[in-house]
Amino acid sequence: MFEYELHQYRYDELIRRADRARLVREAVRARRGAPGKAGGAESHDTGPRGSRSPRAA
């Protein structure tokens, strides 16, 4: 019986964490003003990669 209760507790905690992560993603998406694409790829900055100065030898 104890193992079942422990499993249930862990499962419930996993569900709570997933819900919190989903809410955070939705809040960030809403702040950015992105369209409501569920599961779509987020746009990234299209600027130059890396630094402008060359790497030191």
C-alpha atoms as a PDB file:
ATOM      1  CA  MET A   1       0.000   0.000   0.000  1.00  0.00           C
ATOM      2  CA  PHE A   2       2.837   2.389   0.828  1.00  0.00           C
ATOM      3  CA  GLU A   3       4.371   1.921  -2.633  1.00  0.00           C
ATOM      4  CA  TYR A   4       1.090   2.838  -4.302  1.00  0.00           C
ATOM      5  CA  GLU A   5       0.753   6.005  -2.216  1.00  0.00           C
ATOM      6  CA  LEU A   6       4.336   6.983  -2.968  1.00  0.00           C
ATOM      7  CA  HIS A   7       3.765   6.392  -6.671  1.00  0.00           C
ATOM      8  CA  GLN A   8       0.570   8.453  -6.566  1.00  0.00           C
ATOM      9  CA  TYR A   9       2.362  11.306  -4.784  1.00  0.00           C
ATOM     10  CA  ARG A  10       5.172  11.333  -7.360  1.00  0.00           C
ATOM     11  CA  TYR A  11       2.698  11.198 -10.224  1.00  0.00           C
ATOM     12  CA  ASP A  12       0.689  14.088  -8.801  1.00  0.00           C
ATOM     13  CA  GLU A  13       3.858  16.138  -8.309  1.00  0.00           C
ATOM     14  CA  LEU A  14       4.889  15.447 -11.916  1.00  0.00           C
ATOM     15  CA  ILE A  15       1.496  16.642 -13.145  1.00  0.00           C
ATOM     16  CA  ARG A  16       1.745  19.817 -11.024  1.00  0.00           C
ATOM     17  CA  ARG A  17       5.212  20.573 -12.430  1.00  0.00           C
ATOM     18  CA  ALA A  18       3.997  20.057 -15.989  1.00  0.00           C
ATOM     19  CA  ASP A  19       1.043  22.386 -15.374  1.00  0.00           C
ATOM     20  CA  ARG A  20       3.319  25.069 -13.937  1.00  0.00           C
ATOM     21  CA  ALA A  21       5.714  24.785 -16.869  1.00  0.00           C
ATOM     22  CA  ARG A  22       2.804  25.064 -19.312  1.00  0.00           C
ATOM     23  CA  LEU A  23       1.487  28.159 -17.544  1.00  0.00           C
ATOM     24  CA  VAL A  24       4.933  29.767 -17.654  1.00  0.00           C
ATOM     25  CA  ARG A  25       5.245  29.046 -21.397  1.00  0.00           C
ATOM     26  CA  GLU A  26       1.797  30.511 -22.020  1.00  0.00           C
ATOM     27  CA  ALA A  27       2.628  33.636 -20.004  1.00  0.00           C
ATOM     28  CA  VAL A  28       5.887  34.161 -21.881  1.00  0.00           C
ATOM     29  CA  ARG A  29       4.130  33.649 -25.202  1.00  0.00           C
ATOM     30  CA  ALA A  30       1.423  36.143 -24.227  1.00  0.00           C
ATOM     31  CA  ARG A  31       4.017  38.722 -23.143  1.00  0.00           C
ATOM     32  CA  ARG A  32       5.830  38.410 -26.452  1.00  0.00           C
ATOM     33  CA  GLY A  33       2.577  38.873 -28.303  1.00  0.00           C
ATOM     34  CA  ALA A  34       3.149  35.752 -30.349  1.00  0.00           C
ATOM     35  CA  PRO A  35       0.186  34.230 -32.174  1.00  0.00           C
ATOM     36  CA  GLY A  36      -1.454  31.337 -30.364  1.00  0.00           C
ATOM     37  CA  LYS A  37       0.262  28.509 -32.169  1.00  0.00           C
ATOM     38  CA  ALA A  38       0.142  25.440 -29.989  1.00  0.00           C
ATOM     39  CA  GLY A  39       3.408  23.540 -30.247  1.00  0.00           C
ATOM     40  CA  GLY A  40       4.802  25.782 -32.969  1.00  0.00           C
ATOM     41  CA  ALA A  41       8.465  26.641 -33.271  1.00  0.00           C
ATOM     42  CA  GLU A  42       9.353  29.858 -31.504  1.00  0.00           C
ATOM     43  CA  SER A  43      11.013  32.532 -33.602  1.00  0.00           C
ATOM     44  CA  HIS A  44      14.616  33.283 -32.821  1.00  0.00           C
ATOM     45  CA  ASP A  45      16.738  36.328 -33.352  1.00  0.00           C
ATOM     46  CA  THR A  46      18.074  36.324 -36.902  1.00  0.00           C
ATOM     47  CA  GLY A  47      21.114  38.443 -36.042  1.00  0.00           C
ATOM     48  CA  PRO A  48      24.726  37.450 -36.599  1.00  0.00           C
ATOM     49  CA  ARG A  49      26.010  34.451 -34.698  1.00  0.00           C
ATOM     50  CA  GLY A  50      28.865  34.855 -32.256  1.00  0.00           C
ATOM     51  CA  SER A  51      30.823  37.962 -31.503  1.00  0.00           C
ATOM     52  CA  ARG A  52      31.934  40.568 -34.049  1.00  0.00           C
ATOM     53  CA  SER A  53      35.594  40.420 -33.076  1.00  0.00           C
ATOM     54  CA  PRO A  54      37.773  37.465 -34.061  1.00  0.00           C
ATOM     55  CA  ARG A  55      38.857  34.978 -31.449  1.00  0.00           C
ATOM     56  CA  ALA A  56      42.223  35.598 -29.797  1.00  0.00           C
ATOM     57  CA  ALA A  57      44.997  33.210 -30.770  1.00  0.00           C
END
